[in-house]
Amino acid sequence: MVTAIVLIEAETSRIPELADQIVNMDGVQELFSVAGRHDLVAIVKVAKNEDLADVISDKMRNLEGIVATETMIAFRAYSKRELEAGFELGLD
């Protein structure tokens, strides 16, 4: 499983419409409206790297109202629950 975090800059007036379109794309697990330099943040999870191109480059970036995107590919995933479980087993 490949996870990517996609930072999205959008035309302000189109954010609600874009959010609805993006969150319904295959591979998009979560979508956040955020404050700061970016307007939306999408969490994308797909089977392989090539699938990221389908979701992000071919579909998401072509939506009308998207100004720019920046994609970060996750190397490892850590969660509080997994870290606590590791400590309970005595792992360092």
C-alpha atoms as a PDB file:
ATOM      1  CA  MET A   1       0.000   0.000   0.000  1.00  0.00           C
ATOM      2  CA  VAL A   2       1.350   3.417  -0.987  1.00  0.00           C
ATOM      3  CA  THR A   3       0.257   6.487   0.951  1.00  0.00           C
ATOM      4  CA  ALA A   4       0.565  10.028  -0.337  1.00  0.00           C
ATOM      5  CA  ILE A   5      -0.315  13.345   1.250  1.00  0.00           C
ATOM      6  CA  VAL A   6      -1.443  15.845  -1.375  1.00  0.00           C
ATOM      7  CA  LEU A   7      -1.365  19.556  -0.536  1.00  0.00           C
ATOM      8  CA  ILE A   8      -3.813  21.404  -2.756  1.00  0.00           C
ATOM      9  CA  GLU A   9      -4.080  25.093  -3.613  1.00  0.00           C
ATOM     10  CA  ALA A  10      -7.462  25.931  -5.090  1.00  0.00           C
ATOM     11  CA  GLU A  11      -9.542  28.848  -6.278  1.00  0.00           C
ATOM     12  CA  THR A  12     -11.278  29.966  -3.088  1.00  0.00           C
ATOM     13  CA  SER A  13     -14.751  30.080  -4.594  1.00  0.00           C
ATOM     14  CA  ARG A  14     -14.435  26.469  -5.793  1.00  0.00           C
ATOM     15  CA  ILE A  15     -13.205  24.815  -2.586  1.00  0.00           C
ATOM     16  CA  PRO A  16     -16.543  23.240  -1.534  1.00  0.00           C
ATOM     17  CA  GLU A  17     -17.169  21.855  -5.041  1.00  0.00           C
ATOM     18  CA  LEU A  18     -13.600  20.572  -5.348  1.00  0.00           C
ATOM     19  CA  ALA A  19     -13.754  18.977  -1.908  1.00  0.00           C
ATOM     20  CA  ASP A  20     -16.849  17.038  -2.933  1.00  0.00           C
ATOM     21  CA  GLN A  21     -15.201  15.851  -6.155  1.00  0.00           C
ATOM     22  CA  ILE A  22     -11.886  14.915  -4.552  1.00  0.00           C
ATOM     23  CA  VAL A  23     -13.274  13.038  -1.555  1.00  0.00           C
ATOM     24  CA  ASN A  24     -15.280  10.824  -3.920  1.00  0.00           C
ATOM     25  CA  MET A  25     -12.249   9.791  -6.014  1.00  0.00           C
ATOM     26  CA  ASP A  26     -11.054   6.202  -5.782  1.00  0.00           C
ATOM     27  CA  GLY A  27      -7.959   6.116  -3.594  1.00  0.00           C
ATOM     28  CA  VAL A  28      -8.748   9.253  -1.584  1.00  0.00           C
ATOM     29  CA  GLN A  29      -9.185   8.108   2.011  1.00  0.00           C
ATOM     30  CA  GLU A  30      -9.575  11.469   3.732  1.00  0.00           C
ATOM     31  CA  LEU A  31      -9.753  15.116   2.775  1.00  0.00           C
ATOM     32  CA  PHE A  32      -9.233  18.114   5.035  1.00  0.00           C
ATOM     33  CA  SER A  33     -10.001  21.779   4.540  1.00  0.00           C
ATOM     34  CA  VAL A  34      -7.098  23.604   6.179  1.00  0.00           C
ATOM     35  CA  ALA A  35      -5.823  27.071   7.006  1.00  0.00           C
ATOM     36  CA  GLY A  36      -2.494  28.302   5.697  1.00  0.00           C
ATOM     37  CA  ARG A  37      -0.776  28.261   2.334  1.00  0.00           C
ATOM     38  CA  HIS A  38      -2.824  25.303   1.109  1.00  0.00           C
ATOM     39  CA  ASP A  39      -6.582  24.980   0.995  1.00  0.00           C
ATOM     40  CA  LEU A  40      -7.124  21.224   1.045  1.00  0.00           C
ATOM     41  CA  VAL A  41      -5.087  18.204   2.113  1.00  0.00           C
ATOM     42  CA  ALA A  42      -5.892  14.781   0.681  1.00  0.00           C
ATOM     43  CA  ILE A  43      -4.715  11.445   2.053  1.00  0.00           C
ATOM     44  CA  VAL A  44      -4.417   9.041  -0.867  1.00  0.00           C
ATOM     45  CA  LYS A  45      -3.841   5.295  -0.431  1.00  0.00           C
ATOM     46  CA  VAL A  46      -3.339   3.065  -3.454  1.00  0.00           C
ATOM     47  CA  ALA A  47      -1.830  -0.321  -4.231  1.00  0.00           C
ATOM     48  CA  LYS A  48       1.262   0.885  -6.118  1.00  0.00           C
ATOM     49  CA  ASN A  49       3.127   4.041  -7.122  1.00  0.00           C
ATOM     50  CA  GLU A  50       1.769   3.950 -10.648  1.00  0.00           C
ATOM     51  CA  ASP A  51      -1.755   4.269  -9.235  1.00  0.00           C
ATOM     52  CA  LEU A  52      -0.791   7.626  -7.727  1.00  0.00           C
ATOM     53  CA  ALA A  53      -0.372   8.992 -11.243  1.00  0.00           C
ATOM     54  CA  ASP A  54      -3.914   7.907 -12.097  1.00  0.00           C
ATOM     55  CA  VAL A  55      -5.427   9.569  -9.043  1.00  0.00           C
ATOM     56  CA  ILE A  56      -3.298  12.680  -8.681  1.00  0.00           C
ATOM     57  CA  SER A  57      -1.843  13.555 -12.080  1.00  0.00           C
ATOM     58  CA  ASP A  58      -4.597  12.287 -14.358  1.00  0.00           C
ATOM     59  CA  LYS A  59      -7.697  13.071 -12.291  1.00  0.00           C
ATOM     60  CA  MET A  60      -7.119  15.432  -9.371  1.00  0.00           C
ATOM     61  CA  ARG A  61      -4.775  17.917 -11.065  1.00  0.00           C
ATOM     62  CA  ASN A  62      -7.148  18.235 -14.023  1.00  0.00           C
ATOM     63  CA  LEU A  63     -10.099  19.397 -11.938  1.00  0.00           C
ATOM     64  CA  GLU A  64     -11.172  22.932 -12.776  1.00  0.00           C
ATOM     65  CA  GLY A  65     -10.254  25.196  -9.874  1.00  0.00           C
ATOM     66  CA  ILE A  66      -7.061  23.406  -8.818  1.00  0.00           C
ATOM     67  CA  VAL A  67      -4.247  25.972  -8.873  1.00  0.00           C
ATOM     68  CA  ALA A  68      -1.366  23.745  -7.723  1.00  0.00           C
ATOM     69  CA  THR A  69      -0.616  20.527  -5.874  1.00  0.00           C
ATOM     70  CA  GLU A  70       2.346  19.213  -3.931  1.00  0.00           C
ATOM     71  CA  THR A  71       2.572  15.483  -3.280  1.00  0.00           C
ATOM     72  CA  MET A  72       4.493  13.848  -0.452  1.00  0.00           C
ATOM     73  CA  ILE A  73       4.893  10.070  -0.527  1.00  0.00           C
ATOM     74  CA  ALA A  74       5.046   8.411   2.887  1.00  0.00           C
ATOM     75  CA  PHE A  75       7.961   6.060   3.562  1.00  0.00           C
ATOM     76  CA  ARG A  76       6.650   4.728   6.866  1.00  0.00           C
ATOM     77  CA  ALA A  77       3.443   5.134   8.817  1.00  0.00           C
ATOM     78  CA  TYR A  78       3.420   5.534  12.581  1.00  0.00           C
ATOM     79  CA  SER A  79       0.347   5.652  14.730  1.00  0.00           C
ATOM     80  CA  LYS A  80       0.004   6.163  18.437  1.00  0.00           C
ATOM     81  CA  ARG A  81      -1.788   2.826  18.749  1.00  0.00           C
ATOM     82  CA  GLU A  82       1.002   0.912  16.963  1.00  0.00           C
ATOM     83  CA  LEU A  83       3.748   2.608  18.975  1.00  0.00           C
ATOM     84  CA  GLU A  84       1.988   1.829  22.273  1.00  0.00           C
ATOM     85  CA  ALA A  85       1.527  -1.823  21.216  1.00  0.00           C
ATOM     86  CA  GLY A  86       5.251  -2.066  20.464  1.00  0.00           C
ATOM     87  CA  PHE A  87       6.166  -0.746  23.910  1.00  0.00           C
ATOM     88  CA  GLU A  88       3.798  -3.239  25.551  1.00  0.00           C
ATOM     89  CA  LEU A  89       5.670  -6.066  23.778  1.00  0.00           C
ATOM     90  CA  GLY A  90       8.998  -4.703  24.991  1.00  0.00           C
ATOM     91  CA  LEU A  91      10.198  -3.522  21.592  1.00  0.00           C
ATOM     92  CA  ASP A  92      12.728  -0.687  21.470  1.00  0.00           C
END
